C-alpha atoms as a PDB file:
ATOM      1  CA  UNK A   1      -3.622  -2.079  31.099  1.00  0.00           C
ATOM      2  CA  UNK A   2      -0.899  -0.340  29.155  1.00  0.00           C
ATOM      3  CA  UNK A   3      -1.339   3.454  29.066  1.00  0.00           C
ATOM      4  CA  UNK A   4      -0.830   5.216  25.770  1.00  0.00           C
ATOM      5  CA  UNK A   5       2.201   7.518  25.951  1.00  0.00           C
ATOM      6  CA  UNK A   6       1.596  11.176  25.179  1.00  0.00           C
ATOM      7  CA  UNK A   7       4.574  11.163  22.793  1.00  0.00           C
ATOM      8  CA  UNK A   8       2.513   8.854  20.573  1.00  0.00           C
ATOM      9  CA  UNK A   9      -0.332  11.359  20.181  1.00  0.00           C
ATOM     10  CA  UNK A  10      -0.692  14.399  17.933  1.00  0.00           C
ATOM     11  CA  UNK A  11      -3.582  16.690  18.825  1.00  0.00           C
ATOM     12  CA  UNK A  12      -5.090  18.022  15.601  1.00  0.00           C
ATOM     13  CA  UNK A  13      -7.113  21.235  15.713  1.00  0.00           C
ATOM     14  CA  UNK A  14      -9.688  21.014  12.917  1.00  0.00           C
ATOM     15  CA  UNK A  15      -9.883  24.422  11.262  1.00  0.00           C
ATOM     16  CA  UNK A  16     -10.514  23.317   7.693  1.00  0.00           C
ATOM     17  CA  UNK A  17     -14.197  24.145   7.283  1.00  0.00           C
ATOM     18  CA  UNK A  18     -16.008  26.818   5.318  1.00  0.00           C
ATOM     19  CA  UNK A  19     -17.675  28.524   8.289  1.00  0.00           C
ATOM     20  CA  UNK A  20     -20.923  28.810   6.360  1.00  0.00           C
ATOM     21  CA  UNK A  21     -23.028  29.611   9.425  1.00  0.00           C
ATOM     22  CA  UNK A  22     -20.495  32.311  10.322  1.00  0.00           C
ATOM     23  CA  UNK A  23     -20.862  34.044   6.966  1.00  0.00           C
ATOM     24  CA  UNK A  24     -17.853  32.243   5.528  1.00  0.00           C
ATOM     25  CA  UNK A  25     -15.429  33.415   8.219  1.00  0.00           C
ATOM     26  CA  UNK A  26     -12.490  31.187   9.081  1.00  0.00           C
ATOM     27  CA  UNK A  27     -13.653  30.109  12.530  1.00  0.00           C
ATOM     28  CA  UNK A  28     -10.237  29.275  13.932  1.00  0.00           C
ATOM     29  CA  UNK A  29      -9.224  32.906  13.486  1.00  0.00           C
ATOM     30  CA  UNK A  30     -12.370  34.400  15.041  1.00  0.00           C
ATOM     31  CA  UNK A  31     -11.619  36.033  18.379  1.00  0.00           C
ATOM     32  CA  UNK A  32     -13.074  34.822  21.655  1.00  0.00           C
ATOM     33  CA  UNK A  33     -12.203  36.844  24.752  1.00  0.00           C
ATOM     34  CA  UNK A  34      -9.766  38.841  22.628  1.00  0.00           C
ATOM     35  CA  UNK A  35      -7.836  35.847  21.232  1.00  0.00           C
ATOM     36  CA  UNK A  36      -8.240  33.799  18.042  1.00  0.00           C
ATOM     37  CA  UNK A  37      -9.897  30.529  18.993  1.00  0.00           C
ATOM     38  CA  UNK A  38      -7.085  28.457  17.493  1.00  0.00           C
ATOM     39  CA  UNK A  39      -4.621  30.308  19.720  1.00  0.00           C
ATOM     40  CA  UNK A  40      -6.692  29.563  22.833  1.00  0.00           C
ATOM     41  CA  UNK A  41      -6.699  25.865  21.971  1.00  0.00           C
ATOM     42  CA  UNK A  42      -2.968  25.797  21.247  1.00  0.00           C
ATOM     43  CA  UNK A  43      -2.257  27.328  24.652  1.00  0.00           C
ATOM     44  CA  UNK A  44      -4.518  24.822  26.403  1.00  0.00           C
ATOM     45  CA  UNK A  45      -2.956  21.869  24.581  1.00  0.00           C
ATOM     46  CA  UNK A  46       0.633  22.975  25.159  1.00  0.00           C
ATOM     47  CA  UNK A  47       0.266  22.205  28.835  1.00  0.00           C
ATOM     48  CA  UNK A  48      -1.041  18.691  28.139  1.00  0.00           C
ATOM     49  CA  UNK A  49       2.143  17.122  26.794  1.00  0.00           C
ATOM     50  CA  UNK A  50       1.215  16.120  23.245  1.00  0.00           C
ATOM     51  CA  UNK A  51       2.369  17.242  19.824  1.00  0.00           C
ATOM     52  CA  UNK A  52       0.039  19.726  18.120  1.00  0.00           C
ATOM     53  CA  UNK A  53      -0.901  20.235  14.455  1.00  0.00           C
ATOM     54  CA  UNK A  54      -3.533  22.323  12.683  1.00  0.00           C
ATOM     55  CA  UNK A  55      -5.774  21.132   9.858  1.00  0.00           C
ATOM     56  CA  UNK A  56      -6.547  24.205   7.708  1.00  0.00           C
ATOM     57  CA  UNK A  57      -7.533  24.874   4.105  1.00  0.00           C
ATOM     58  CA  UNK A  58      -7.546  28.697   4.067  1.00  0.00           C
ATOM     59  CA  UNK A  59      -5.427  31.514   5.480  1.00  0.00           C
ATOM     60  CA  UNK A  60      -2.460  29.165   5.766  1.00  0.00           C
ATOM     61  CA  UNK A  61       0.114  31.898   6.598  1.00  0.00           C
ATOM     62  CA  UNK A  62      -1.975  32.950   9.626  1.00  0.00           C
ATOM     63  CA  UNK A  63      -1.960  29.387  10.941  1.00  0.00           C
ATOM     64  CA  UNK A  64       1.683  28.760  10.039  1.00  0.00           C
ATOM     65  CA  UNK A  65       2.618  31.797  12.164  1.00  0.00           C
ATOM     66  CA  UNK A  66       2.045  29.634  15.259  1.00  0.00           C
ATOM     67  CA  UNK A  67       5.066  27.525  14.338  1.00  0.00           C
ATOM     68  CA  UNK A  68       3.134  24.259  14.218  1.00  0.00           C
ATOM     69  CA  UNK A  69       2.589  21.838  11.324  1.00  0.00           C
ATOM     70  CA  UNK A  70      -0.338  22.981   9.175  1.00  0.00           C
ATOM     71  CA  UNK A  71      -1.962  20.134   7.245  1.00  0.00           C
ATOM     72  CA  UNK A  72      -4.425  20.744   4.407  1.00  0.00           C
ATOM     73  CA  UNK A  73      -7.031  18.291   3.147  1.00  0.00           C
ATOM     74  CA  UNK A  74      -6.004  16.159   0.199  1.00  0.00           C
ATOM     75  CA  UNK A  75      -9.636  16.160  -0.937  1.00  0.00           C
ATOM     76  CA  UNK A  76     -10.773  19.489  -2.372  1.00  0.00           C
ATOM     77  CA  UNK A  77     -14.056  21.346  -1.927  1.00  0.00           C
ATOM     78  CA  UNK A  78     -14.246  21.191   1.868  1.00  0.00           C
ATOM     79  CA  UNK A  79     -15.281  17.556   2.304  1.00  0.00           C
ATOM     80  CA  UNK A  80     -15.793  17.712   6.065  1.00  0.00           C
ATOM     81  CA  UNK A  81     -14.047  16.527   9.222  1.00  0.00           C
ATOM     82  CA  UNK A  82     -13.226  13.031   7.947  1.00  0.00           C
ATOM     83  CA  UNK A  83     -11.145  14.598   5.174  1.00  0.00           C
ATOM     84  CA  UNK A  84      -9.262  16.472   7.880  1.00  0.00           C
ATOM     85  CA  UNK A  85      -8.794  13.258   9.848  1.00  0.00           C
ATOM     86  CA  UNK A  86      -7.364  11.528   6.777  1.00  0.00           C
ATOM     87  CA  UNK A  87      -5.001  14.382   5.924  1.00  0.00           C
ATOM     88  CA  UNK A  88      -3.672  14.427   9.487  1.00  0.00           C
ATOM     89  CA  UNK A  89      -3.338  10.647   9.718  1.00  0.00           C
ATOM     90  CA  UNK A  90      -1.209  10.708   6.574  1.00  0.00           C
ATOM     91  CA  UNK A  91       1.047  13.501   7.800  1.00  0.00           C
ATOM     92  CA  UNK A  92       1.816  12.941  11.498  1.00  0.00           C
ATOM     93  CA  UNK A  93       4.658  10.846  12.911  1.00  0.00           C
ATOM     94  CA  UNK A  94       2.699   9.535  15.912  1.00  0.00           C
ATOM     95  CA  UNK A  95       0.594   6.394  16.300  1.00  0.00           C
ATOM     96  CA  UNK A  96      -2.582   8.314  17.151  1.00  0.00           C
ATOM     97  CA  UNK A  97      -4.282  11.594  16.357  1.00  0.00           C
ATOM     98  CA  UNK A  98      -6.546  13.322  18.862  1.00  0.00           C
ATOM     99  CA  UNK A  99      -8.982  15.579  17.030  1.00  0.00           C
ATOM    100  CA  UNK A 100     -10.856  18.625  18.253  1.00  0.00           C
ATOM    101  CA  UNK A 101     -12.746  21.421  16.478  1.00  0.00           C
ATOM    102  CA  UNK A 102     -11.369  24.947  16.284  1.00  0.00           C
ATOM    103  CA  UNK A 103     -14.664  26.484  17.439  1.00  0.00           C
ATOM    104  CA  UNK A 104     -14.818  24.982  20.956  1.00  0.00           C
ATOM    105  CA  UNK A 105     -12.707  27.334  23.093  1.00  0.00           C
ATOM    106  CA  UNK A 106     -13.695  25.865  26.484  1.00  0.00           C
ATOM    107  CA  UNK A 107     -11.392  22.854  26.197  1.00  0.00           C
ATOM    108  CA  UNK A 108     -10.787  21.013  29.476  1.00  0.00           C
ATOM    109  CA  UNK A 109      -7.313  21.208  30.994  1.00  0.00           C
ATOM    110  CA  UNK A 110      -7.277  17.408  31.332  1.00  0.00           C
ATOM    111  CA  UNK A 111      -8.706  16.744  27.863  1.00  0.00           C
ATOM    112  CA  UNK A 112      -5.813  14.521  26.775  1.00  0.00           C
ATOM    113  CA  UNK A 113      -5.729  12.551  30.034  1.00  0.00           C
ATOM    114  CA  UNK A 114      -9.422  11.632  29.682  1.00  0.00           C
ATOM    115  CA  UNK A 115      -8.701   9.967  26.345  1.00  0.00           C
ATOM    116  CA  UNK A 116      -5.591   8.188  27.592  1.00  0.00           C
ATOM    117  CA  UNK A 117      -7.536   6.827  30.562  1.00  0.00           C
ATOM    118  CA  UNK A 118     -10.373   5.568  28.344  1.00  0.00           C
ATOM    119  CA  UNK A 119      -7.895   3.993  25.931  1.00  0.00           C
ATOM    120  CA  UNK A 120      -6.032   2.228  28.752  1.00  0.00           C
ATOM    121  CA  UNK A 121      -9.197   0.347  29.731  1.00  0.00           C
ATOM    122  CA  UNK A 122     -10.334  -0.812  26.294  1.00  0.00           C
ATOM    123  CA  UNK A 123      -7.285  -0.453  24.009  1.00  0.00           C
ATOM    124  CA  UNK A 124      -9.699   0.644  21.278  1.00  0.00           C
ATOM    125  CA  UNK A 125      -8.485   1.947  17.928  1.00  0.00           C
ATOM    126  CA  UNK A 126     -11.035   4.769  18.211  1.00  0.00           C
ATOM    127  CA  UNK A 127     -12.149   6.572  21.367  1.00  0.00           C
ATOM    128  CA  UNK A 128     -14.938   9.157  21.042  1.00  0.00           C
ATOM    129  CA  UNK A 129     -16.075  11.799  23.527  1.00  0.00           C
ATOM    130  CA  UNK A 130     -19.529  11.398  25.054  1.00  0.00           C
ATOM    131  CA  UNK A 131     -21.161  14.316  26.874  1.00  0.00           C
ATOM    132  CA  UNK A 132     -23.541  12.067  28.817  1.00  0.00           C
ATOM    133  CA  UNK A 133     -26.360  12.553  26.312  1.00  0.00           C
ATOM    134  CA  UNK A 134     -24.739  11.913  22.953  1.00  0.00           C
ATOM    135  CA  UNK A 135     -21.440  11.401  21.207  1.00  0.00           C
ATOM    136  CA  UNK A 136     -19.332  14.424  20.306  1.00  0.00           C
ATOM    137  CA  UNK A 137     -17.762  12.773  17.242  1.00  0.00           C
ATOM    138  CA  UNK A 138     -15.182  15.390  16.256  1.00  0.00           C
ATOM    139  CA  UNK A 139     -13.486  14.919  19.635  1.00  0.00           C
ATOM    140  CA  UNK A 140     -11.781  11.600  19.025  1.00  0.00           C
ATOM    141  CA  UNK A 141      -8.603   9.600  19.526  1.00  0.00           C
ATOM    142  CA  UNK A 142      -7.927   7.604  16.359  1.00  0.00           C
ATOM    143  CA  UNK A 143      -5.194   5.120  15.499  1.00  0.00           C
ATOM    144  CA  UNK A 144      -3.283   6.235  12.418  1.00  0.00           C
ATOM    145  CA  UNK A 145      -3.205   2.623  11.147  1.00  0.00           C
ATOM    146  CA  UNK A 146      -6.851   3.125  10.151  1.00  0.00           C
ATOM    147  CA  UNK A 147      -5.892   5.564   7.389  1.00  0.00           C
ATOM    148  CA  UNK A 148      -6.329   3.152   4.475  1.00  0.00           C
ATOM    149  CA  UNK A 149      -9.695   2.070   5.835  1.00  0.00           C
ATOM    150  CA  UNK A 150     -10.776   5.713   6.115  1.00  0.00           C
ATOM    151  CA  UNK A 151      -9.540   6.523   2.605  1.00  0.00           C
ATOM    152  CA  UNK A 152     -11.613   3.618   1.282  1.00  0.00           C
ATOM    153  CA  UNK A 153     -14.664   4.952   3.117  1.00  0.00           C
ATOM    154  CA  UNK A 154     -14.128   8.440   1.669  1.00  0.00           C
ATOM    155  CA  UNK A 155     -13.578   7.000  -1.799  1.00  0.00           C
ATOM    156  CA  UNK A 156     -17.035   5.398  -1.549  1.00  0.00           C
ATOM    157  CA  UNK A 157     -18.445   8.928  -1.338  1.00  0.00           C
ATOM    158  CA  UNK A 158     -19.557   8.793   2.284  1.00  0.00           C
ATOM    159  CA  UNK A 159     -18.663  11.691   4.585  1.00  0.00           C
ATOM    160  CA  UNK A 160     -20.604  10.821   7.768  1.00  0.00           C
ATOM    161  CA  UNK A 161     -18.381  10.411  10.820  1.00  0.00           C
ATOM    162  CA  UNK A 162     -20.863   8.271  12.721  1.00  0.00           C
ATOM    163  CA  UNK A 163     -21.120   5.816   9.827  1.00  0.00           C
ATOM    164  CA  UNK A 164     -17.358   5.352   9.726  1.00  0.00           C
ATOM    165  CA  UNK A 165     -17.190   4.876  13.492  1.00  0.00           C
ATOM    166  CA  UNK A 166     -20.002   2.311  13.283  1.00  0.00           C
ATOM    167  CA  UNK A 167     -17.754   0.130  11.108  1.00  0.00           C
ATOM    168  CA  UNK A 168     -15.305  -0.191  14.000  1.00  0.00           C
ATOM    169  CA  UNK A 169     -15.386  -1.023  17.671  1.00  0.00           C
ATOM    170  CA  UNK A 170     -14.886   2.205  19.555  1.00  0.00           C
ATOM    171  CA  UNK A 171     -14.943   3.215  23.189  1.00  0.00           C
ATOM    172  CA  UNK A 172     -16.738   6.197  24.639  1.00  0.00           C
ATOM    173  CA  UNK A 173     -14.900   8.775  26.733  1.00  0.00           C
ATOM    174  CA  UNK A 174     -17.088  10.080  29.544  1.00  0.00           C
ATOM    175  CA  UNK A 175     -17.122  13.879  29.626  1.00  0.00           C
ATOM    176  CA  UNK A 176     -20.553  14.110  31.263  1.00  0.00           C
ATOM    177  CA  UNK A 177     -19.130  16.169  34.139  1.00  0.00           C
ATOM    178  CA  UNK A 178     -17.507  18.591  31.710  1.00  0.00           C
ATOM    179  CA  UNK A 179     -20.361  18.952  29.261  1.00  0.00           C
ATOM    180  CA  UNK A 180     -19.856  22.729  28.890  1.00  0.00           C
ATOM    181  CA  UNK A 181     -16.596  21.975  27.076  1.00  0.00           C
ATOM    182  CA  UNK A 182     -18.607  21.095  23.978  1.00  0.00           C
ATOM    183  CA  UNK A 183     -20.220  24.526  23.590  1.00  0.00           C
ATOM    184  CA  UNK A 184     -19.112  25.690  20.180  1.00  0.00           C
ATOM    185  CA  UNK A 185     -19.336  28.860  18.127  1.00  0.00           C
ATOM    186  CA  UNK A 186     -21.248  27.911  15.006  1.00  0.00           C
ATOM    187  CA  UNK A 187     -23.211  31.141  14.598  1.00  0.00           C
ATOM    188  CA  UNK A 188     -22.475  34.752  15.598  1.00  0.00           C
ATOM    189  CA  UNK A 189     -24.984  34.635  18.469  1.00  0.00           C
ATOM    190  CA  UNK A 190     -23.232  31.592  19.972  1.00  0.00           C
ATOM    191  CA  UNK A 191     -20.289  33.685  21.138  1.00  0.00           C
ATOM    192  CA  UNK A 192     -22.274  35.682  23.732  1.00  0.00           C
ATOM    193  CA  UNK A 193     -23.967  32.510  24.983  1.00  0.00           C
ATOM    194  CA  UNK A 194     -20.644  30.701  25.424  1.00  0.00           C
ATOM    195  CA  UNK A 195     -19.073  33.664  27.174  1.00  0.00           C
ATOM    196  CA  UNK A 196     -21.963  33.421  29.625  1.00  0.00           C
ATOM    197  CA  UNK A 197     -21.325  29.683  30.098  1.00  0.00           C
ATOM    198  CA  UNK A 198     -17.657  30.440  30.683  1.00  0.00           C
ATOM    199  CA  UNK A 199     -18.536  32.777  33.568  1.00  0.00           C
ATOM    200  CA  UNK A 200     -20.516  30.153  35.423  1.00  0.00           C
END
């Protein structure tokens, strides 16, 4: 099967949320091991051969300082990850976006390759990470051609990622051996727990 070229992928770090469970903090800028989480992810992605962009709706100068495209949602009022997907799909110059949340600092070094491998087998328009127990829906490879379909879904008022995926055939990407990658910092107490995971 034909392998998707890395030059046709833009990795999009999703940092556009409100951080409600973190007291309204901008999670991408919260430090983990002395570095903002968005910076950790940028460094990990730079070695994986894809273009990188950031989806952010606040603190834009802080994100722009990394010298990468910063894409804001076209829908106001923090409409969730799908709004970030749509904004990115309308702004990138690649055939696919590869999304990941800003609050998961334990990203695998072969993250991109896992998605390319899964795509090569099924040629699916959407590939979604699976940790062996359940889908991790914000980690996804999505064909940009689906933008109009996604905009129609958002226009209907729905914001649920799993419902949009269910309207399409998608392949699962097996990350069951790297399940710790999906530990994320949603609440202040999560940081200590994830640091502990990172030691093991």
